[in-house]
Structures are given as structure tokens and as C-alpha cells.
Amino acid sequence: MARLIMVVLWPSFLVAIVAEGFLFSLFDPHDLALVGNHIEVNPLAVYTIGFFSIWAFCSLASMLTCYLLAVPNDKKIPF
């Protein structure tokens, strides 16, 4: 189980690092607005929330990949 967790979390962690670098090189946390109102939030908090959100989505994608690899192929579907 620990191996499966590391197979899912480690690659998603590395991808989240790269994705956050790209995301915040395009968007400045000081320019965030929600429903037209400017949000006064510490940039470190925005970076942290952004990183963990991206990591969660990447982890879900990795878990789905592991699940699909483990599902037995009962039927052959011609493509």
C-alpha cells in the first residue's frame, strides 16, 4: 500500500511543482479578483493553496491511471 501511495504522490508532486511554476509565472497573486472584488491575501497563502490544489488534481489523475491499469480487461473492444 505504501508503494502505491508513493507511485501516485511522488510523480504528482513533481508535476505540481512544474505546473505551479508555469501558473504563477503567468499570473500575479496581487492581481486576483473574485466576482469583481480585489482580494487582499498574502501571496504566500495563494502560492500554497495553488500548489496543494494542483497537487490534488495531479494525484487524482495518477490514481485514475493506477486504477485503470489494475482493472482486468474482460472484453476486447475493437477500435
Protein backbone atom coordinates (compact mmCIF):
# COMPACT_ATOMS: atom_id res chain seq x y z
CA MET A 1 0.00 0.00 0.00
CA ALA A 2 2.86 2.39 0.82
CA ARG A 3 4.38 1.68 -2.59
CA LEU A 4 1.08 2.50 -4.32
CA ILE A 5 0.81 5.75 -2.37
CA MET A 6 4.33 6.75 -3.40
CA VAL A 7 3.69 5.77 -7.02
CA VAL A 8 0.73 8.16 -7.01
CA LEU A 9 2.01 11.02 -4.85
CA TRP A 10 5.62 11.42 -5.97
CA PRO A 11 5.02 11.96 -9.72
CA SER A 12 2.04 14.18 -8.99
CA PHE A 13 4.20 16.22 -6.60
CA LEU A 14 6.84 16.76 -9.27
CA VAL A 15 4.25 17.75 -11.87
CA ALA A 16 2.59 20.12 -9.39
CA ILE A 17 5.91 21.90 -8.86
CA VAL A 18 6.31 22.48 -12.60
CA ALA A 19 2.65 23.42 -13.08
CA GLU A 20 2.77 25.97 -10.26
CA GLY A 21 5.90 27.49 -11.75
CA PHE A 22 4.11 27.94 -15.07
CA LEU A 23 0.88 29.15 -13.47
CA PHE A 24 2.43 31.82 -11.28
CA SER A 25 4.83 32.97 -13.95
CA LEU A 26 1.70 33.96 -15.89
CA PHE A 27 -0.49 35.24 -13.02
CA ASP A 28 0.46 37.52 -10.16
CA PRO A 29 -1.26 36.75 -6.81
CA HIS A 30 -1.74 40.51 -6.25
CA ASP A 31 -3.96 40.69 -9.34
CA LEU A 32 -6.51 38.12 -8.14
CA ALA A 33 -10.15 39.15 -8.12
CA LEU A 34 -13.28 37.27 -7.10
CA VAL A 35 -16.61 38.43 -8.55
CA GLY A 36 -15.11 41.79 -9.46
CA ASN A 37 -13.72 42.48 -5.98
CA HIS A 38 -9.97 42.60 -5.37
CA ILE A 39 -8.82 40.00 -2.83
CA GLU A 40 -6.28 41.05 -0.22
CA VAL A 41 -4.48 37.78 0.52
CA ASN A 42 -0.88 37.09 1.39
CA PRO A 43 0.91 35.90 -1.79
CA LEU A 44 2.47 33.01 0.14
CA ALA A 45 -1.04 31.79 1.00
CA VAL A 46 -2.04 31.96 -2.67
CA TYR A 47 1.06 30.01 -3.69
CA THR A 48 0.37 27.39 -1.01
CA ILE A 49 -3.30 26.95 -1.87
CA GLY A 50 -2.44 26.85 -5.58
CA PHE A 51 0.25 24.22 -5.06
CA PHE A 52 -1.92 21.92 -2.97
CA SER A 53 -4.85 22.30 -5.38
CA ILE A 54 -2.68 21.42 -8.36
CA TRP A 55 -1.13 18.53 -6.40
CA ALA A 56 -4.59 17.19 -5.56
CA PHE A 57 -5.69 17.24 -9.22
CA CYS A 58 -2.46 15.60 -10.35
CA SER A 59 -2.86 12.96 -7.63
CA LEU A 60 -6.37 12.21 -8.84
CA ALA A 61 -5.05 11.75 -12.37
CA SER A 62 -2.30 9.42 -11.12
CA MET A 63 -4.79 7.42 -9.04
CA LEU A 64 -7.07 7.05 -12.04
CA THR A 65 -4.14 5.78 -14.11
CA CYS A 66 -3.22 3.21 -11.43
CA TYR A 67 -6.85 2.13 -11.16
CA LEU A 68 -7.23 1.70 -14.91
CA LEU A 69 -4.03 -0.35 -15.05
CA ALA A 70 -5.38 -2.67 -12.32
CA VAL A 71 -8.84 -3.21 -13.86
CA PRO A 72 -8.96 -6.54 -15.68
CA ASN A 73 -9.69 -6.39 -19.40
CA ASP A 74 -12.74 -8.67 -19.74
CA LYS A 75 -13.86 -7.66 -23.19
CA LYS A 76 -11.88 -6.87 -26.27
CA ILE A 77 -13.32 -3.73 -27.83
CA PRO A 78 -12.33 -3.31 -31.49
CA PHE A 79 -11.21 0.20 -32.32
